[in-house]
Amino acid sequence: MNRKRKSPNPAKRKRNENRKLPKGQVHRNWKEQQVGPRANGADCKCKYECFKYIYEGKRKTILKRFNSIGDKHEQDVYLDGLITANPVQRRSTYTWDSAGPSEAIK
């Protein structure tokens, strides 16, 4: 006699419940550790000086709008729309083997 198996309920799984949590606010992750609110960090030290062109007030409004989207999937779609793919301008001409560069580049 076969036993009746429980039907799966993906809505009750922790990984799916976490997707519905309020984004950008204090919450608990799947390990039950408290995660702080999303906030702006320190300015980066890159050569492009990104934060020189985007001021603190503008960064806060961007983060606030992003957090207001709510759904993780919609946030991913929003970020995907901002990314542009550029073709590679110069490719490397050497190959690496386990010992380092191949003999062809010497």
Protein backbone atom coordinates (compact mmCIF):
# COMPACT_ATOMS: atom_id res chain seq x y z
CA MET A 1 0.00 0.00 0.00
CA ASN A 2 1.38 3.39 -0.98
CA ARG A 3 1.28 6.16 1.53
CA LYS A 4 -0.09 9.51 0.58
CA ARG A 5 2.70 12.05 0.37
CA LYS A 6 2.28 15.61 1.49
CA SER A 7 1.87 18.02 -1.37
CA PRO A 8 4.69 20.61 -1.49
CA ASN A 9 3.88 24.14 -0.49
CA PRO A 10 6.66 26.40 -1.82
CA ALA A 11 5.10 29.48 -0.20
CA LYS A 12 6.03 28.14 3.26
CA ARG A 13 9.70 27.58 2.46
CA LYS A 14 12.02 30.03 4.22
CA ARG A 15 13.85 31.01 1.04
CA ASN A 16 10.55 32.06 -0.51
CA GLU A 17 9.29 33.79 2.63
CA ASN A 18 12.44 35.95 2.74
CA ARG A 19 11.68 37.28 -0.73
CA LYS A 20 8.51 38.86 0.63
CA LEU A 21 10.24 40.65 3.50
CA PRO A 22 10.26 44.44 3.52
CA LYS A 23 13.32 45.43 1.53
CA GLY A 24 15.81 47.86 3.01
CA GLN A 25 14.48 47.46 6.55
CA VAL A 26 15.63 45.48 9.57
CA HIS A 27 14.73 41.79 9.22
CA ARG A 28 15.99 38.28 9.95
CA ASN A 29 17.69 36.17 7.28
CA TRP A 30 17.25 32.42 6.74
CA LYS A 31 19.87 31.72 9.44
CA GLU A 32 17.75 33.73 11.90
CA GLN A 33 20.44 36.43 12.12
CA GLN A 34 19.32 40.02 12.29
CA VAL A 35 20.14 42.05 9.18
CA GLY A 36 20.35 45.80 9.51
CA PRO A 37 18.68 48.32 7.21
CA ARG A 38 20.16 49.02 3.82
CA ALA A 39 22.17 52.24 3.96
CA ASN A 40 24.69 54.24 2.00
CA GLY A 41 28.28 53.33 2.77
CA ALA A 42 31.47 55.33 2.60
CA ASP A 43 32.57 56.87 -0.68
CA CYS A 44 34.58 54.60 -2.91
CA LYS A 45 38.21 55.35 -3.65
CA CYS A 46 38.15 54.34 -7.32
CA LYS A 47 39.92 56.25 -10.08
CA TYR A 48 36.59 57.35 -11.61
CA GLU A 49 35.58 59.32 -8.49
CA CYS A 50 31.96 58.23 -8.84
CA PHE A 51 30.64 59.99 -5.76
CA LYS A 52 32.05 63.30 -6.88
CA TYR A 53 29.24 63.47 -9.46
CA ILE A 54 26.40 62.01 -7.37
CA TYR A 55 25.77 63.97 -4.21
CA GLU A 56 24.60 62.56 -0.87
CA GLY A 57 20.99 63.73 -1.24
CA LYS A 58 20.67 62.18 -4.70
CA ARG A 59 22.15 58.88 -3.44
CA LYS A 60 19.61 58.76 -0.62
CA THR A 61 16.69 59.33 -2.99
CA ILE A 62 17.97 56.62 -5.36
CA LEU A 63 18.23 54.13 -2.47
CA LYS A 64 14.79 55.12 -1.16
CA ARG A 65 13.21 54.58 -4.59
CA PHE A 66 14.97 51.26 -5.02
CA ASN A 67 13.76 50.06 -1.61
CA SER A 68 10.21 51.15 -2.44
CA ILE A 69 10.08 48.71 -5.38
CA GLY A 70 9.59 45.97 -2.78
CA ASP A 71 9.63 42.71 -4.73
CA LYS A 72 13.07 41.15 -5.27
CA HIS A 73 12.24 40.08 -8.83
CA GLU A 74 11.16 43.60 -9.76
CA GLN A 75 14.35 45.02 -8.22
CA ASP A 76 16.40 42.59 -10.33
CA VAL A 77 14.53 43.60 -13.48
CA TYR A 78 15.13 47.27 -12.66
CA LEU A 79 18.88 46.70 -12.20
CA ASP A 80 19.05 44.58 -15.34
CA GLY A 81 17.62 47.50 -17.31
CA LEU A 82 20.42 49.77 -16.09
CA ILE A 83 23.23 47.45 -17.20
CA THR A 84 24.66 47.80 -20.69
CA ALA A 85 26.94 45.23 -22.28
CA ASN A 86 29.96 46.57 -24.11
CA PRO A 87 32.03 44.47 -26.50
CA VAL A 88 35.57 43.64 -25.43
CA GLN A 89 37.98 46.11 -27.03
CA ARG A 90 41.21 44.18 -26.56
CA ARG A 91 41.64 40.51 -25.81
CA SER A 92 44.70 38.99 -24.21
CA THR A 93 46.98 37.16 -26.63
CA TYR A 94 48.52 34.65 -24.25
CA THR A 95 47.26 31.52 -22.58
CA TRP A 96 47.95 30.32 -19.06
CA ASP A 97 48.78 26.76 -18.18
CA SER A 98 49.26 25.28 -14.72
CA ALA A 99 52.84 26.60 -14.43
CA GLY A 100 52.09 30.14 -15.60
CA PRO A 101 52.24 31.82 -19.01
CA SER A 102 52.86 29.53 -21.93
CA GLU A 103 56.10 29.44 -23.87
CA ALA A 104 54.46 31.31 -26.76
CA ILE A 105 54.73 34.71 -25.04
CA LYS A 106 58.42 34.52 -24.10
